[in-house]
């Protein structure tokens, strides 16, 4: 039997066809990256881990304005002295309910896309996607502050509309540029949940978020690309509506907040799932054999008939033993 490429495996899974084996992916934070590079003896982790997907970030690098503090392209200052990957906001831009004086970066700036040709060439055999992180709600609260933004939803909905509309137009311009390239999908990053439910409830989500993501998803679908989202938390009450809007792939598929097998039963013919391996319990605290056993169980129960990319449920933090990651990759590669 001819082995198909990792890219084709992912495409078959997304189309709810049965690939020759379940595609897999391993993402990691900066501390975990260093641990894995030391363990595998290489900086080429995509090859060492057998990763099936490759992600391009259409954004310029942040500026380190002093040790551990970074200013992003929107002018927001992030404290990364503890969390080197994201950090916490040190200084918000929107201190009042007004966009006056708040200039957005250029979504069409050539430097955003300058690395794409080389990225595509490097990852010819992988499913290539670009991420638009902090795409709507997250970018809004990063500018305004989460508490203030959620109060604004109740007290100043017109201001929230103005802010969200501006962010939507910004994202649509980025999508318009990205789909000119040989990418397979676009991933929108926007966390709406925590582990007990939505952060601000379904009615407000429908009021402020849904109409904007409908436009963004439609732009991706019209270009023939796969629509992906990374959204943490217990948000499965939104799955029917997200499917109607055209969502193809949901990540991170956290087993702490949703049963992977039950989600596959309810939605697996219409939605592909990407994730499923716990970074809160199994990967940091389990044994290599327990990791192997769970990977086999998920691949069989959720991966049947396609619709599944098995992966850690988020970029792995540095407390996960490298041996557990190696065990996951080993058991998945055995199925090739």
C-alpha atoms as a PDB file:
ATOM      1  CA  UNK A   1       0.000   0.000   0.000  1.00  0.00           C
ATOM      2  CA  UNK A   2       1.325   3.441  -0.923  1.00  0.00           C
ATOM      3  CA  UNK A   3       1.762   5.758   2.044  1.00  0.00           C
ATOM      4  CA  UNK A   4       0.078   9.095   1.511  1.00  0.00           C
ATOM      5  CA  UNK A   5       1.645  12.410   2.538  1.00  0.00           C
ATOM      6  CA  UNK A   6       0.933  14.074   5.883  1.00  0.00           C
ATOM      7  CA  UNK A   7      -0.812  16.864   3.977  1.00  0.00           C
ATOM      8  CA  UNK A   8      -3.157  14.440   2.236  1.00  0.00           C
ATOM      9  CA  UNK A   9      -3.860  12.666   5.534  1.00  0.00           C
ATOM     10  CA  UNK A  10      -5.050  15.907   7.077  1.00  0.00           C
ATOM     11  CA  UNK A  11      -7.132  16.778   4.031  1.00  0.00           C
ATOM     12  CA  UNK A  12      -8.825  13.385   4.168  1.00  0.00           C
ATOM     13  CA  UNK A  13      -9.523  13.793   7.878  1.00  0.00           C
ATOM     14  CA  UNK A  14     -10.974  17.276   7.323  1.00  0.00           C
ATOM     15  CA  UNK A  15     -13.175  15.902   4.535  1.00  0.00           C
ATOM     16  CA  UNK A  16     -14.373  13.115   6.859  1.00  0.00           C
ATOM     17  CA  UNK A  17     -12.713  10.460   4.769  1.00  0.00           C
ATOM     18  CA  UNK A  18     -10.645   7.668   6.281  1.00  0.00           C
ATOM     19  CA  UNK A  19      -6.892   8.247   5.886  1.00  0.00           C
ATOM     20  CA  UNK A  20      -4.343   5.432   6.096  1.00  0.00           C
ATOM     21  CA  UNK A  21      -3.711   6.519   9.703  1.00  0.00           C
ATOM     22  CA  UNK A  22      -4.863   9.308  11.994  1.00  0.00           C
ATOM     23  CA  UNK A  23      -2.809  12.471  11.393  1.00  0.00           C
ATOM     24  CA  UNK A  24      -1.050  13.940  14.411  1.00  0.00           C
ATOM     25  CA  UNK A  25       0.523  17.193  15.521  1.00  0.00           C
ATOM     26  CA  UNK A  26       2.626  18.318  18.480  1.00  0.00           C
ATOM     27  CA  UNK A  27       2.654  21.983  19.523  1.00  0.00           C
ATOM     28  CA  UNK A  28       4.760  23.423  22.306  1.00  0.00           C
ATOM     29  CA  UNK A  29       5.603  26.533  24.294  1.00  0.00           C
ATOM     30  CA  UNK A  30       9.097  28.057  24.341  1.00  0.00           C
ATOM     31  CA  UNK A  31      10.205  26.128  27.501  1.00  0.00           C
ATOM     32  CA  UNK A  32       8.920  22.853  26.048  1.00  0.00           C
ATOM     33  CA  UNK A  33      10.580  23.577  22.725  1.00  0.00           C
ATOM     34  CA  UNK A  34      13.942  23.802  24.458  1.00  0.00           C
ATOM     35  CA  UNK A  35      13.299  20.561  26.312  1.00  0.00           C
ATOM     36  CA  UNK A  36      12.329  18.727  23.130  1.00  0.00           C
ATOM     37  CA  UNK A  37      15.295  20.078  21.178  1.00  0.00           C
ATOM     38  CA  UNK A  38      17.606  18.766  23.871  1.00  0.00           C
ATOM     39  CA  UNK A  39      15.832  15.394  24.017  1.00  0.00           C
ATOM     40  CA  UNK A  40      15.733  14.786  20.254  1.00  0.00           C
ATOM     41  CA  UNK A  41      19.067  16.470  19.584  1.00  0.00           C
ATOM     42  CA  UNK A  42      17.753  18.732  16.840  1.00  0.00           C
ATOM     43  CA  UNK A  43      16.087  22.092  16.243  1.00  0.00           C
ATOM     44  CA  UNK A  44      14.057  20.572  13.393  1.00  0.00           C
ATOM     45  CA  UNK A  45      11.220  19.427  15.613  1.00  0.00           C
ATOM     46  CA  UNK A  46       8.653  19.172  12.829  1.00  0.00           C
ATOM     47  CA  UNK A  47      10.599  16.281  11.344  1.00  0.00           C
ATOM     48  CA  UNK A  48      11.561  14.759  14.691  1.00  0.00           C
ATOM     49  CA  UNK A  49       7.935  14.756  15.842  1.00  0.00           C
ATOM     50  CA  UNK A  50       6.429  13.770  12.504  1.00  0.00           C
ATOM     51  CA  UNK A  51       4.178  16.821  12.524  1.00  0.00           C
ATOM     52  CA  UNK A  52       1.469  16.836   9.878  1.00  0.00           C
ATOM     53  CA  UNK A  53       0.633  20.555   9.961  1.00  0.00           C
ATOM     54  CA  UNK A  54       2.689  23.729   9.635  1.00  0.00           C
ATOM     55  CA  UNK A  55       1.607  27.125  10.938  1.00  0.00           C
ATOM     56  CA  UNK A  56       2.512  30.543   9.567  1.00  0.00           C
ATOM     57  CA  UNK A  57       1.879  33.673  11.642  1.00  0.00           C
ATOM     58  CA  UNK A  58       0.981  36.692   9.514  1.00  0.00           C
ATOM     59  CA  UNK A  59       2.301  39.281  11.924  1.00  0.00           C
ATOM     60  CA  UNK A  60       5.542  41.162  12.493  1.00  0.00           C
ATOM     61  CA  UNK A  61       7.692  40.289  15.518  1.00  0.00           C
ATOM     62  CA  UNK A  62       6.977  42.137  18.751  1.00  0.00           C
ATOM     63  CA  UNK A  63       9.468  44.709  20.013  1.00  0.00           C
ATOM     64  CA  UNK A  64      11.232  44.136  23.344  1.00  0.00           C
ATOM     65  CA  UNK A  65      11.109  47.590  24.902  1.00  0.00           C
ATOM     66  CA  UNK A  66      12.918  46.480  28.071  1.00  0.00           C
ATOM     67  CA  UNK A  67      13.966  43.048  29.355  1.00  0.00           C
ATOM     68  CA  UNK A  68      10.891  40.787  29.419  1.00  0.00           C
ATOM     69  CA  UNK A  69       8.431  43.456  28.210  1.00  0.00           C
ATOM     70  CA  UNK A  70       7.196  43.505  24.628  1.00  0.00           C
ATOM     71  CA  UNK A  71       5.077  45.906  22.588  1.00  0.00           C
ATOM     72  CA  UNK A  72       2.893  44.245  19.951  1.00  0.00           C
ATOM     73  CA  UNK A  73       1.885  45.749  16.628  1.00  0.00           C
ATOM     74  CA  UNK A  74      -1.241  47.285  18.185  1.00  0.00           C
ATOM     75  CA  UNK A  75       0.887  49.125  20.741  1.00  0.00           C
ATOM     76  CA  UNK A  76      -0.116  46.931  23.690  1.00  0.00           C
ATOM     77  CA  UNK A  77       2.678  46.170  26.159  1.00  0.00           C
ATOM     78  CA  UNK A  78       2.929  42.576  27.406  1.00  0.00           C
ATOM     79  CA  UNK A  79       4.832  41.387  30.472  1.00  0.00           C
ATOM     80  CA  UNK A  80       6.540  38.128  29.497  1.00  0.00           C
ATOM     81  CA  UNK A  81       8.905  37.826  32.407  1.00  0.00           C
ATOM     82  CA  UNK A  82       7.085  34.658  33.552  1.00  0.00           C
ATOM     83  CA  UNK A  83       5.135  33.457  30.505  1.00  0.00           C
ATOM     84  CA  UNK A  84       7.518  33.765  27.549  1.00  0.00           C
ATOM     85  CA  UNK A  85       4.864  32.815  24.994  1.00  0.00           C
ATOM     86  CA  UNK A  86       1.965  35.225  25.604  1.00  0.00           C
ATOM     87  CA  UNK A  87       2.381  37.046  28.892  1.00  0.00           C
ATOM     88  CA  UNK A  88      -0.050  39.417  30.566  1.00  0.00           C
ATOM     89  CA  UNK A  89      -1.022  42.896  29.454  1.00  0.00           C
ATOM     90  CA  UNK A  90       0.974  45.589  31.191  1.00  0.00           C
ATOM     91  CA  UNK A  91      -0.584  48.573  29.448  1.00  0.00           C
ATOM     92  CA  UNK A  92      -3.929  48.765  27.605  1.00  0.00           C
ATOM     93  CA  UNK A  93      -4.453  51.145  24.700  1.00  0.00           C
ATOM     94  CA  UNK A  94      -8.171  51.934  25.012  1.00  0.00           C
ATOM     95  CA  UNK A  95      -8.662  53.584  28.382  1.00  0.00           C
ATOM     96  CA  UNK A  96     -12.053  55.018  27.409  1.00  0.00           C
ATOM     97  CA  UNK A  97     -14.978  54.051  25.184  1.00  0.00           C
ATOM     98  CA  UNK A  98     -13.490  55.612  22.110  1.00  0.00           C
ATOM     99  CA  UNK A  99     -11.275  54.568  19.199  1.00  0.00           C
ATOM    100  CA  UNK A 100     -10.048  58.128  18.771  1.00  0.00           C
ATOM    101  CA  UNK A 101      -6.296  58.117  18.359  1.00  0.00           C
ATOM    102  CA  UNK A 102      -6.099  54.323  18.143  1.00  0.00           C
ATOM    103  CA  UNK A 103      -4.413  53.404  14.880  1.00  0.00           C
ATOM    104  CA  UNK A 104      -4.472  49.799  13.754  1.00  0.00           C
ATOM    105  CA  UNK A 105      -1.424  48.319  12.038  1.00  0.00           C
ATOM    106  CA  UNK A 106      -1.418  47.856   8.270  1.00  0.00           C
ATOM    107  CA  UNK A 107      -3.018  44.470   7.498  1.00  0.00           C
ATOM    108  CA  UNK A 108      -1.538  44.527   3.993  1.00  0.00           C
ATOM    109  CA  UNK A 109       2.033  45.374   4.975  1.00  0.00           C
ATOM    110  CA  UNK A 110       4.316  43.289   2.700  1.00  0.00           C
ATOM    111  CA  UNK A 111       6.519  42.157   5.589  1.00  0.00           C
ATOM    112  CA  UNK A 112       3.606  40.131   6.975  1.00  0.00           C
ATOM    113  CA  UNK A 113       3.678  37.858   3.965  1.00  0.00           C
ATOM    114  CA  UNK A 114       7.331  38.019   2.947  1.00  0.00           C
ATOM    115  CA  UNK A 115       8.131  34.678   4.564  1.00  0.00           C
ATOM    116  CA  UNK A 116       5.246  32.784   2.976  1.00  0.00           C
ATOM    117  CA  UNK A 117       6.951  31.558  -0.223  1.00  0.00           C
ATOM    118  CA  UNK A 118       9.820  29.993   1.750  1.00  0.00           C
ATOM    119  CA  UNK A 119       7.380  28.605   4.319  1.00  0.00           C
ATOM    120  CA  UNK A 120       5.324  26.939   1.595  1.00  0.00           C
ATOM    121  CA  UNK A 121       8.387  25.485  -0.073  1.00  0.00           C
ATOM    122  CA  UNK A 122       9.737  24.128   3.239  1.00  0.00           C
ATOM    123  CA  UNK A 123       6.430  22.479   4.126  1.00  0.00           C
ATOM    124  CA  UNK A 124       5.333  21.082   0.755  1.00  0.00           C
ATOM    125  CA  UNK A 125       4.209  17.797   2.324  1.00  0.00           C
ATOM    126  CA  UNK A 126       2.416  19.293   5.328  1.00  0.00           C
ATOM    127  CA  UNK A 127      -1.041  20.822   5.721  1.00  0.00           C
ATOM    128  CA  UNK A 128      -0.194  24.522   5.674  1.00  0.00           C
ATOM    129  CA  UNK A 129      -2.277  27.079   7.486  1.00  0.00           C
ATOM    130  CA  UNK A 130      -1.880  30.618   8.721  1.00  0.00           C
ATOM    131  CA  UNK A 131      -3.116  31.705  12.102  1.00  0.00           C
ATOM    132  CA  UNK A 132      -4.769  35.006  12.894  1.00  0.00           C
ATOM    133  CA  UNK A 133      -4.376  35.008  16.639  1.00  0.00           C
ATOM    134  CA  UNK A 134      -6.370  37.247  18.978  1.00  0.00           C
ATOM    135  CA  UNK A 135      -8.748  37.649  16.097  1.00  0.00           C
ATOM    136  CA  UNK A 136     -11.784  39.378  17.646  1.00  0.00           C
ATOM    137  CA  UNK A 137     -12.839  39.152  21.309  1.00  0.00           C
ATOM    138  CA  UNK A 138      -9.274  38.499  22.423  1.00  0.00           C
ATOM    139  CA  UNK A 139      -7.865  41.432  20.471  1.00  0.00           C
ATOM    140  CA  UNK A 140     -10.640  43.645  21.791  1.00  0.00           C
ATOM    141  CA  UNK A 141      -9.951  42.808  25.428  1.00  0.00           C
ATOM    142  CA  UNK A 142      -6.195  43.094  24.873  1.00  0.00           C
ATOM    143  CA  UNK A 143      -6.837  46.665  23.766  1.00  0.00           C
ATOM    144  CA  UNK A 144      -9.553  47.581  26.268  1.00  0.00           C
ATOM    145  CA  UNK A 145      -9.185  45.174  29.223  1.00  0.00           C
ATOM    146  CA  UNK A 146     -11.401  42.126  29.705  1.00  0.00           C
ATOM    147  CA  UNK A 147     -13.469  43.470  32.593  1.00  0.00           C
ATOM    148  CA  UNK A 148     -14.039  46.833  30.921  1.00  0.00           C
ATOM    149  CA  UNK A 149     -14.939  45.184  27.618  1.00  0.00           C
ATOM    150  CA  UNK A 150     -17.547  42.932  29.175  1.00  0.00           C
ATOM    151  CA  UNK A 151     -19.068  45.878  31.028  1.00  0.00           C
ATOM    152  CA  UNK A 152     -19.058  47.761  27.721  1.00  0.00           C
ATOM    153  CA  UNK A 153     -21.097  44.952  26.160  1.00  0.00           C
ATOM    154  CA  UNK A 154     -23.881  45.796  28.582  1.00  0.00           C
ATOM    155  CA  UNK A 155     -23.481  49.544  28.998  1.00  0.00           C
ATOM    156  CA  UNK A 156     -22.000  50.692  25.680  1.00  0.00           C
ATOM    157  CA  UNK A 157     -22.906  48.192  22.934  1.00  0.00           C
ATOM    158  CA  UNK A 158     -22.441  50.803  20.204  1.00  0.00           C
ATOM    159  CA  UNK A 159     -18.788  51.204  21.182  1.00  0.00           C
ATOM    160  CA  UNK A 160     -18.287  47.431  21.166  1.00  0.00           C
ATOM    161  CA  UNK A 161     -19.894  47.292  17.720  1.00  0.00           C
ATOM    162  CA  UNK A 162     -17.487  49.952  16.471  1.00  0.00           C
ATOM    163  CA  UNK A 163     -14.474  48.155  17.916  1.00  0.00           C
ATOM    164  CA  UNK A 164     -15.495  44.716  16.676  1.00  0.00           C
ATOM    165  CA  UNK A 165     -16.353  46.049  13.219  1.00  0.00           C
ATOM    166  CA  UNK A 166     -12.928  47.676  12.942  1.00  0.00           C
ATOM    167  CA  UNK A 167     -11.221  44.435  13.956  1.00  0.00           C
ATOM    168  CA  UNK A 168     -13.344  42.473  11.492  1.00  0.00           C
ATOM    169  CA  UNK A 169     -12.335  44.718   8.594  1.00  0.00           C
ATOM    170  CA  UNK A 170      -8.704  44.384   9.664  1.00  0.00           C
ATOM    171  CA  UNK A 171      -8.954  40.586   9.730  1.00  0.00           C
ATOM    172  CA  UNK A 172     -10.776  40.448   6.398  1.00  0.00           C
ATOM    173  CA  UNK A 173      -7.930  42.365   4.785  1.00  0.00           C
ATOM    174  CA  UNK A 174      -5.443  39.826   6.175  1.00  0.00           C
ATOM    175  CA  UNK A 175      -7.576  36.945   4.917  1.00  0.00           C
ATOM    176  CA  UNK A 176      -7.760  38.563   1.496  1.00  0.00           C
ATOM    177  CA  UNK A 177      -3.961  38.629   1.337  1.00  0.00           C
ATOM    178  CA  UNK A 178      -3.398  35.155   2.785  1.00  0.00           C
ATOM    179  CA  UNK A 179      -5.718  33.320   0.405  1.00  0.00           C
ATOM    180  CA  UNK A 180      -3.585  34.451  -2.522  1.00  0.00           C
ATOM    181  CA  UNK A 181      -1.009  31.880  -1.387  1.00  0.00           C
ATOM    182  CA  UNK A 182      -0.953  28.086  -1.540  1.00  0.00           C
ATOM    183  CA  UNK A 183      -2.251  27.601   1.989  1.00  0.00           C
ATOM    184  CA  UNK A 184      -4.729  24.919   2.990  1.00  0.00           C
ATOM    185  CA  UNK A 185      -6.501  26.731   5.802  1.00  0.00           C
ATOM    186  CA  UNK A 186      -6.852  29.798   8.005  1.00  0.00           C
ATOM    187  CA  UNK A 187      -7.050  29.439  11.779  1.00  0.00           C
ATOM    188  CA  UNK A 188      -8.723  32.122  13.893  1.00  0.00           C
ATOM    189  CA  UNK A 189      -7.624  32.277  17.508  1.00  0.00           C
ATOM    190  CA  UNK A 190     -10.322  33.559  19.871  1.00  0.00           C
ATOM    191  CA  UNK A 191     -10.964  32.117  23.336  1.00  0.00           C
ATOM    192  CA  UNK A 192     -14.607  32.542  24.357  1.00  0.00           C
ATOM    193  CA  UNK A 193     -14.692  30.008  27.173  1.00  0.00           C
ATOM    194  CA  UNK A 194     -13.342  28.825  30.465  1.00  0.00           C
ATOM    195  CA  UNK A 195     -13.668  25.329  31.880  1.00  0.00           C
ATOM    196  CA  UNK A 196     -17.224  25.772  33.158  1.00  0.00           C
ATOM    197  CA  UNK A 197     -18.750  27.555  30.178  1.00  0.00           C
ATOM    198  CA  UNK A 198     -18.706  30.687  28.065  1.00  0.00           C
ATOM    199  CA  UNK A 199     -17.026  33.772  29.487  1.00  0.00           C
ATOM    200  CA  UNK A 200     -19.897  36.087  28.577  1.00  0.00           C
ATOM    201  CA  UNK A 201     -22.812  33.855  27.639  1.00  0.00           C
ATOM    202  CA  UNK A 202     -24.385  32.755  24.377  1.00  0.00           C
ATOM    203  CA  UNK A 203     -26.731  35.785  23.937  1.00  0.00           C
ATOM    204  CA  UNK A 204     -23.831  38.233  24.004  1.00  0.00           C
ATOM    205  CA  UNK A 205     -21.769  35.925  21.779  1.00  0.00           C
ATOM    206  CA  UNK A 206     -24.603  35.944  19.254  1.00  0.00           C
ATOM    207  CA  UNK A 207     -24.952  39.711  19.541  1.00  0.00           C
ATOM    208  CA  UNK A 208     -21.290  40.677  19.134  1.00  0.00           C
ATOM    209  CA  UNK A 209     -19.206  37.765  17.879  1.00  0.00           C
ATOM    210  CA  UNK A 210     -21.359  35.632  15.603  1.00  0.00           C
ATOM    211  CA  UNK A 211     -22.143  38.171  12.872  1.00  0.00           C
ATOM    212  CA  UNK A 212     -18.479  39.147  12.578  1.00  0.00           C
ATOM    213  CA  UNK A 213     -17.038  35.647  12.420  1.00  0.00           C
ATOM    214  CA  UNK A 214     -19.720  34.786   9.856  1.00  0.00           C
ATOM    215  CA  UNK A 215     -18.100  37.308   7.526  1.00  0.00           C
ATOM    216  CA  UNK A 216     -14.578  36.062   8.239  1.00  0.00           C
ATOM    217  CA  UNK A 217     -15.474  32.403   7.789  1.00  0.00           C
ATOM    218  CA  UNK A 218     -17.305  33.182   4.549  1.00  0.00           C
ATOM    219  CA  UNK A 219     -14.225  34.926   3.121  1.00  0.00           C
ATOM    220  CA  UNK A 220     -12.103  31.839   3.830  1.00  0.00           C
ATOM    221  CA  UNK A 221     -14.695  29.418   2.450  1.00  0.00           C
ATOM    222  CA  UNK A 222     -15.154  31.442  -0.725  1.00  0.00           C
ATOM    223  CA  UNK A 223     -11.432  31.086  -1.365  1.00  0.00           C
ATOM    224  CA  UNK A 224     -11.670  27.307  -1.038  1.00  0.00           C
ATOM    225  CA  UNK A 225      -9.660  27.158   2.185  1.00  0.00           C
ATOM    226  CA  UNK A 226     -10.376  25.283   5.412  1.00  0.00           C
ATOM    227  CA  UNK A 227     -11.847  27.317   8.292  1.00  0.00           C
ATOM    228  CA  UNK A 228     -10.209  26.500  11.628  1.00  0.00           C
ATOM    229  CA  UNK A 229     -10.598  27.912  15.105  1.00  0.00           C
ATOM    230  CA  UNK A 230      -8.651  27.682  18.319  1.00  0.00           C
ATOM    231  CA  UNK A 231     -11.066  28.387  21.160  1.00  0.00           C
ATOM    232  CA  UNK A 232     -10.342  27.209  24.679  1.00  0.00           C
ATOM    233  CA  UNK A 233     -12.966  26.217  27.189  1.00  0.00           C
ATOM    234  CA  UNK A 234     -16.362  24.574  27.464  1.00  0.00           C
ATOM    235  CA  UNK A 235     -17.887  26.060  24.338  1.00  0.00           C
ATOM    236  CA  UNK A 236     -19.591  23.061  22.738  1.00  0.00           C
ATOM    237  CA  UNK A 237     -23.026  24.675  23.068  1.00  0.00           C
ATOM    238  CA  UNK A 238     -21.918  26.815  20.122  1.00  0.00           C
ATOM    239  CA  UNK A 239     -20.952  23.900  17.854  1.00  0.00           C
ATOM    240  CA  UNK A 240     -24.250  23.768  15.915  1.00  0.00           C
ATOM    241  CA  UNK A 241     -24.025  27.470  15.102  1.00  0.00           C
ATOM    242  CA  UNK A 242     -20.323  27.312  14.259  1.00  0.00           C
ATOM    243  CA  UNK A 243     -21.000  24.435  11.887  1.00  0.00           C
ATOM    244  CA  UNK A 244     -23.753  26.476  10.204  1.00  0.00           C
ATOM    245  CA  UNK A 245     -21.270  29.329   9.758  1.00  0.00           C
ATOM    246  CA  UNK A 246     -18.871  27.009   7.940  1.00  0.00           C
ATOM    247  CA  UNK A 247     -16.365  25.969  10.592  1.00  0.00           C
ATOM    248  CA  UNK A 248     -14.388  22.916   9.463  1.00  0.00           C
ATOM    249  CA  UNK A 249     -11.885  22.250  12.270  1.00  0.00           C
ATOM    250  CA  UNK A 250     -12.208  22.888  16.006  1.00  0.00           C
ATOM    251  CA  UNK A 251      -9.187  23.076  18.339  1.00  0.00           C
ATOM    252  CA  UNK A 252      -8.050  22.484  21.125  1.00  0.00           C
ATOM    253  CA  UNK A 253     -10.627  19.756  21.931  1.00  0.00           C
ATOM    254  CA  UNK A 254      -9.903  19.668  25.680  1.00  0.00           C
ATOM    255  CA  UNK A 255     -10.901  16.370  27.348  1.00  0.00           C
ATOM    256  CA  UNK A 256     -11.358  18.194  30.690  1.00  0.00           C
ATOM    257  CA  UNK A 257     -14.350  20.091  29.293  1.00  0.00           C
ATOM    258  CA  UNK A 258     -15.740  17.846  26.546  1.00  0.00           C
ATOM    259  CA  UNK A 259     -15.792  14.096  26.058  1.00  0.00           C
ATOM    260  CA  UNK A 260     -13.965  13.468  22.763  1.00  0.00           C
ATOM    261  CA  UNK A 261     -15.924  10.325  21.963  1.00  0.00           C
ATOM    262  CA  UNK A 262     -19.286  11.980  22.677  1.00  0.00           C
ATOM    263  CA  UNK A 263     -18.359  15.063  20.641  1.00  0.00           C
ATOM    264  CA  UNK A 264     -17.425  12.805  17.723  1.00  0.00           C
ATOM    265  CA  UNK A 265     -20.768  11.016  18.058  1.00  0.00           C
ATOM    266  CA  UNK A 266     -22.758  14.253  18.045  1.00  0.00           C
ATOM    267  CA  UNK A 267     -20.845  16.369  15.550  1.00  0.00           C
ATOM    268  CA  UNK A 268     -18.206  14.201  13.896  1.00  0.00           C
ATOM    269  CA  UNK A 269     -19.920  13.997  10.531  1.00  0.00           C
ATOM    270  CA  UNK A 270     -19.924  17.812  10.232  1.00  0.00           C
ATOM    271  CA  UNK A 271     -16.944  19.024  12.270  1.00  0.00           C
ATOM    272  CA  UNK A 272     -13.346  17.820  12.467  1.00  0.00           C
ATOM    273  CA  UNK A 273     -11.571  17.921  15.815  1.00  0.00           C
ATOM    274  CA  UNK A 274      -7.916  18.778  16.437  1.00  0.00           C
ATOM    275  CA  UNK A 275      -6.451  17.966  19.869  1.00  0.00           C
ATOM    276  CA  UNK A 276      -7.797  15.563  22.473  1.00  0.00           C
ATOM    277  CA  UNK A 277      -4.746  14.616  24.581  1.00  0.00           C
ATOM    278  CA  UNK A 278      -4.830  16.244  28.014  1.00  0.00           C
ATOM    279  CA  UNK A 279      -2.020  18.650  28.857  1.00  0.00           C
ATOM    280  CA  UNK A 280      -3.477  19.097  32.345  1.00  0.00           C
ATOM    281  CA  UNK A 281      -3.431  15.481  33.485  1.00  0.00           C
ATOM    282  CA  UNK A 282      -2.253  12.773  31.113  1.00  0.00           C
ATOM    283  CA  UNK A 283       0.811  14.304  29.483  1.00  0.00           C
ATOM    284  CA  UNK A 284       2.380  15.907  32.580  1.00  0.00           C
ATOM    285  CA  UNK A 285       1.466  13.194  35.104  1.00  0.00           C
ATOM    286  CA  UNK A 286       0.891   9.988  33.145  1.00  0.00           C
ATOM    287  CA  UNK A 287       3.432   7.344  32.241  1.00  0.00           C
ATOM    288  CA  UNK A 288       4.663   6.776  28.678  1.00  0.00           C
ATOM    289  CA  UNK A 289       2.532   3.620  28.534  1.00  0.00           C
ATOM    290  CA  UNK A 290      -0.567   5.502  29.650  1.00  0.00           C
ATOM    291  CA  UNK A 291       0.097   8.049  26.908  1.00  0.00           C
ATOM    292  CA  UNK A 292       0.404   5.260  24.340  1.00  0.00           C
ATOM    293  CA  UNK A 293      -2.811   3.626  25.539  1.00  0.00           C
ATOM    294  CA  UNK A 294      -4.822   6.853  25.417  1.00  0.00           C
ATOM    295  CA  UNK A 295      -3.445   7.791  22.007  1.00  0.00           C
ATOM    296  CA  UNK A 296      -4.501   4.399  20.640  1.00  0.00           C
ATOM    297  CA  UNK A 297      -7.950   4.707  22.245  1.00  0.00           C
ATOM    298  CA  UNK A 298      -8.591   8.162  20.805  1.00  0.00           C
ATOM    299  CA  UNK A 299      -7.233   7.263  17.387  1.00  0.00           C
ATOM    300  CA  UNK A 300      -9.579   4.293  17.227  1.00  0.00           C
ATOM    301  CA  UNK A 301     -12.696   5.817  18.797  1.00  0.00           C
ATOM    302  CA  UNK A 302     -12.494   9.381  17.435  1.00  0.00           C
ATOM    303  CA  UNK A 303     -10.381   8.852  14.343  1.00  0.00           C
ATOM    304  CA  UNK A 304     -12.690   6.298  12.775  1.00  0.00           C
ATOM    305  CA  UNK A 305     -14.167   7.664   9.512  1.00  0.00           C
ATOM    306  CA  UNK A 306     -11.830  10.654   9.598  1.00  0.00           C
ATOM    307  CA  UNK A 307     -12.614  13.974  11.254  1.00  0.00           C
ATOM    308  CA  UNK A 308      -9.740  13.868  13.752  1.00  0.00           C
ATOM    309  CA  UNK A 309      -6.216  15.269  14.069  1.00  0.00           C
ATOM    310  CA  UNK A 310      -4.839  13.903  17.323  1.00  0.00           C
ATOM    311  CA  UNK A 311      -2.666  16.311  19.286  1.00  0.00           C
ATOM    312  CA  UNK A 312      -2.012  17.669  22.760  1.00  0.00           C
ATOM    313  CA  UNK A 313      -4.975  19.836  23.716  1.00  0.00           C
ATOM    314  CA  UNK A 314      -2.830  22.977  23.610  1.00  0.00           C
ATOM    315  CA  UNK A 315       0.764  24.005  23.069  1.00  0.00           C
ATOM    316  CA  UNK A 316       2.543  21.931  25.689  1.00  0.00           C
ATOM    317  CA  UNK A 317       4.008  23.717  28.725  1.00  0.00           C
ATOM    318  CA  UNK A 318       7.445  22.868  30.023  1.00  0.00           C
ATOM    319  CA  UNK A 319       6.302  20.535  32.814  1.00  0.00           C
ATOM    320  CA  UNK A 320       5.587  17.644  30.423  1.00  0.00           C
ATOM    321  CA  UNK A 321       8.255  14.905  30.319  1.00  0.00           C
ATOM    322  CA  UNK A 322       9.865  14.605  26.900  1.00  0.00           C
ATOM    323  CA  UNK A 323       9.551  10.835  27.266  1.00  0.00           C
ATOM    324  CA  UNK A 324       5.755  11.182  27.183  1.00  0.00           C
ATOM    325  CA  UNK A 325       5.915  13.191  23.984  1.00  0.00           C
ATOM    326  CA  UNK A 326       8.227  10.602  22.447  1.00  0.00           C
ATOM    327  CA  UNK A 327       5.787   7.856  23.462  1.00  0.00           C
ATOM    328  CA  UNK A 328       2.913   9.650  21.715  1.00  0.00           C
ATOM    329  CA  UNK A 329       4.915  10.151  18.522  1.00  0.00           C
ATOM    330  CA  UNK A 330       6.139   6.547  18.622  1.00  0.00           C
ATOM    331  CA  UNK A 331       2.684   5.009  18.880  1.00  0.00           C
ATOM    332  CA  UNK A 332       1.270   7.234  16.145  1.00  0.00           C
ATOM    333  CA  UNK A 333       4.163   6.595  13.775  1.00  0.00           C
ATOM    334  CA  UNK A 334       3.717   2.842  14.218  1.00  0.00           C
ATOM    335  CA  UNK A 335       0.392   3.122  12.389  1.00  0.00           C
ATOM    336  CA  UNK A 336       1.985   4.543   9.230  1.00  0.00           C
END
